[in-house]
Amino acid sequence: MKVRRRIQFYGRVQGVGFRWKATQLARRYDLTGWVRNNGDGSVTMEVQGEHMAIFVMLSQLKNDPYIEVTGQRTEKIPVAEKERDFWPISSWGEF
């Protein structure tokens, strides 16, 4: 069953390849959504797919030697049925 989560990550998550790695992992595990940097230094991600695939993706992301997640806030949100890919969004809100 597909689920969708909005996750905000805090810590050393900008300037360390977080969005690139998140995109590569999401595509590897057939997840959809997006990831973007925020002005406050955090990163927001919306990700959807199978619960276990999301868990594995997040575990690998947090184990990256350059990324240091010191906190996160997660919320359940409705699935976007028509979404077909995962995209990094620039800080300016562009793909």
C-alpha atoms as a PDB file:
ATOM      1  CA  MET A   1       0.000   0.000   0.000  1.00  0.00           C
ATOM      2  CA  LYS A   2       1.328   3.433  -0.965  1.00  0.00           C
ATOM      3  CA  VAL A   3       1.868   6.048   1.705  1.00  0.00           C
ATOM      4  CA  ARG A   4       3.053   9.660   1.468  1.00  0.00           C
ATOM      5  CA  ARG A   5       5.055  11.604   4.031  1.00  0.00           C
ATOM      6  CA  ARG A   6       6.209  15.201   4.324  1.00  0.00           C
ATOM      7  CA  ILE A   7       9.494  15.239   6.215  1.00  0.00           C
ATOM      8  CA  GLN A   8      11.529  18.232   7.332  1.00  0.00           C
ATOM      9  CA  PHE A   9      15.172  17.442   8.105  1.00  0.00           C
ATOM     10  CA  TYR A  10      17.414  19.525  10.373  1.00  0.00           C
ATOM     11  CA  GLY A  11      21.187  19.409  10.868  1.00  0.00           C
ATOM     12  CA  ARG A  12      23.953  19.400   8.266  1.00  0.00           C
ATOM     13  CA  VAL A  13      21.600  18.844   5.345  1.00  0.00           C
ATOM     14  CA  GLN A  14      22.432  21.627   2.877  1.00  0.00           C
ATOM     15  CA  GLY A  15      25.605  21.822   0.805  1.00  0.00           C
ATOM     16  CA  VAL A  16      26.343  18.119   1.363  1.00  0.00           C
ATOM     17  CA  GLY A  17      24.551  16.463  -1.564  1.00  0.00           C
ATOM     18  CA  PHE A  18      21.364  15.715   0.380  1.00  0.00           C
ATOM     19  CA  ARG A  19      18.972  16.493  -2.496  1.00  0.00           C
ATOM     20  CA  TRP A  20      21.088  14.630  -5.042  1.00  0.00           C
ATOM     21  CA  LYS A  21      21.374  11.537  -2.859  1.00  0.00           C
ATOM     22  CA  ALA A  22      17.679  11.639  -1.929  1.00  0.00           C
ATOM     23  CA  THR A  23      16.775  11.766  -5.626  1.00  0.00           C
ATOM     24  CA  GLN A  24      19.061   8.855  -6.522  1.00  0.00           C
ATOM     25  CA  LEU A  25      17.732   6.696  -3.663  1.00  0.00           C
ATOM     26  CA  ALA A  26      14.096   7.560  -4.362  1.00  0.00           C
ATOM     27  CA  ARG A  27      14.435   6.589  -7.995  1.00  0.00           C
ATOM     28  CA  ARG A  28      16.274   3.367  -7.063  1.00  0.00           C
ATOM     29  CA  TYR A  29      13.389   2.338  -4.790  1.00  0.00           C
ATOM     30  CA  ASP A  30      10.576   3.481  -7.130  1.00  0.00           C
ATOM     31  CA  LEU A  31       9.498   6.329  -4.866  1.00  0.00           C
ATOM     32  CA  THR A  32       7.963   9.569  -6.071  1.00  0.00           C
ATOM     33  CA  GLY A  33       7.870  13.100  -4.685  1.00  0.00           C
ATOM     34  CA  TRP A  34      10.298  15.961  -4.344  1.00  0.00           C
ATOM     35  CA  VAL A  35      12.994  17.450  -2.090  1.00  0.00           C
ATOM     36  CA  ARG A  36      14.020  21.103  -1.607  1.00  0.00           C
ATOM     37  CA  ASN A  37      16.255  23.309   0.530  1.00  0.00           C
ATOM     38  CA  ASN A  38      14.576  25.788   2.870  1.00  0.00           C
ATOM     39  CA  GLY A  39      15.780  29.273   3.779  1.00  0.00           C
ATOM     40  CA  ASP A  40      16.295  28.268   7.422  1.00  0.00           C
ATOM     41  CA  GLY A  41      18.934  25.624   6.542  1.00  0.00           C
ATOM     42  CA  SER A  42      16.562  22.667   6.746  1.00  0.00           C
ATOM     43  CA  VAL A  43      15.412  20.428   3.887  1.00  0.00           C
ATOM     44  CA  THR A  44      11.820  19.409   3.140  1.00  0.00           C
ATOM     45  CA  MET A  45      10.907  16.223   1.308  1.00  0.00           C
ATOM     46  CA  GLU A  46       7.610  14.765   0.196  1.00  0.00           C
ATOM     47  CA  VAL A  47       8.029  11.099  -0.595  1.00  0.00           C
ATOM     48  CA  GLN A  48       5.547   8.404  -1.485  1.00  0.00           C
ATOM     49  CA  GLY A  49       5.645   4.702  -2.151  1.00  0.00           C
ATOM     50  CA  GLU A  50       5.751   1.499  -0.168  1.00  0.00           C
ATOM     51  CA  HIS A  51       6.404   2.070   3.532  1.00  0.00           C
ATOM     52  CA  MET A  52       9.427  -0.278   3.655  1.00  0.00           C
ATOM     53  CA  ALA A  53      11.016   1.350   0.587  1.00  0.00           C
ATOM     54  CA  ILE A  54      10.703   4.771   2.245  1.00  0.00           C
ATOM     55  CA  PHE A  55      12.220   3.377   5.458  1.00  0.00           C
ATOM     56  CA  VAL A  56      15.200   1.911   3.563  1.00  0.00           C
ATOM     57  CA  MET A  57      15.703   5.130   1.593  1.00  0.00           C
ATOM     58  CA  LEU A  58      15.692   7.277   4.736  1.00  0.00           C
ATOM     59  CA  SER A  59      18.065   4.888   6.537  1.00  0.00           C
ATOM     60  CA  GLN A  60      20.583   5.054   3.709  1.00  0.00           C
ATOM     61  CA  LEU A  61      20.246   8.820   3.444  1.00  0.00           C
ATOM     62  CA  LYS A  62      20.928   9.281   7.166  1.00  0.00           C
ATOM     63  CA  ASN A  63      23.963   6.964   7.010  1.00  0.00           C
ATOM     64  CA  ASP A  64      25.729   9.090   4.404  1.00  0.00           C
ATOM     65  CA  PRO A  65      29.061  10.300   5.849  1.00  0.00           C
ATOM     66  CA  TYR A  66      28.487  13.909   4.704  1.00  0.00           C
ATOM     67  CA  ILE A  67      24.901  14.237   5.921  1.00  0.00           C
ATOM     68  CA  GLU A  68      24.118  14.726   9.604  1.00  0.00           C
ATOM     69  CA  VAL A  69      20.420  14.689  10.458  1.00  0.00           C
ATOM     70  CA  THR A  70      19.994  15.973  14.007  1.00  0.00           C
ATOM     71  CA  GLY A  71      16.206  16.147  13.900  1.00  0.00           C
ATOM     72  CA  GLN A  72      13.215  15.625  11.702  1.00  0.00           C
ATOM     73  CA  ARG A  73       9.505  16.305  11.667  1.00  0.00           C
ATOM     74  CA  THR A  74       7.280  13.866   9.777  1.00  0.00           C
ATOM     75  CA  GLU A  75       3.622  14.100   8.871  1.00  0.00           C
ATOM     76  CA  LYS A  76       1.298  11.782   6.956  1.00  0.00           C
ATOM     77  CA  ILE A  77      -0.268  13.425   3.922  1.00  0.00           C
ATOM     78  CA  PRO A  78      -2.578  12.165   1.145  1.00  0.00           C
ATOM     79  CA  VAL A  79      -1.094  10.144  -1.713  1.00  0.00           C
ATOM     80  CA  ALA A  80      -0.710  12.001  -5.034  1.00  0.00           C
ATOM     81  CA  GLU A  81      -2.032   9.339  -7.412  1.00  0.00           C
ATOM     82  CA  LYS A  82      -0.778  10.926 -10.648  1.00  0.00           C
ATOM     83  CA  GLU A  83       2.793  11.545  -9.508  1.00  0.00           C
ATOM     84  CA  ARG A  84       5.336   9.483 -11.456  1.00  0.00           C
ATOM     85  CA  ASP A  85       8.858  10.645 -10.492  1.00  0.00           C
ATOM     86  CA  PHE A  86      10.996  12.174  -7.751  1.00  0.00           C
ATOM     87  CA  TRP A  87      12.526  15.626  -8.298  1.00  0.00           C
ATOM     88  CA  PRO A  88      15.054  17.853  -6.571  1.00  0.00           C
ATOM     89  CA  ILE A  89      13.682  21.389  -6.423  1.00  0.00           C
ATOM     90  CA  SER A  90      16.072  24.310  -6.191  1.00  0.00           C
ATOM     91  CA  SER A  91      15.924  26.771  -3.321  1.00  0.00           C
ATOM     92  CA  TRP A  92      14.135  29.105  -5.713  1.00  0.00           C
ATOM     93  CA  GLY A  93      11.267  26.676  -6.253  1.00  0.00           C
ATOM     94  CA  GLU A  94      12.286  25.538  -9.737  1.00  0.00           C
ATOM     95  CA  PHE A  95      12.961  22.032 -11.028  1.00  0.00           C
END
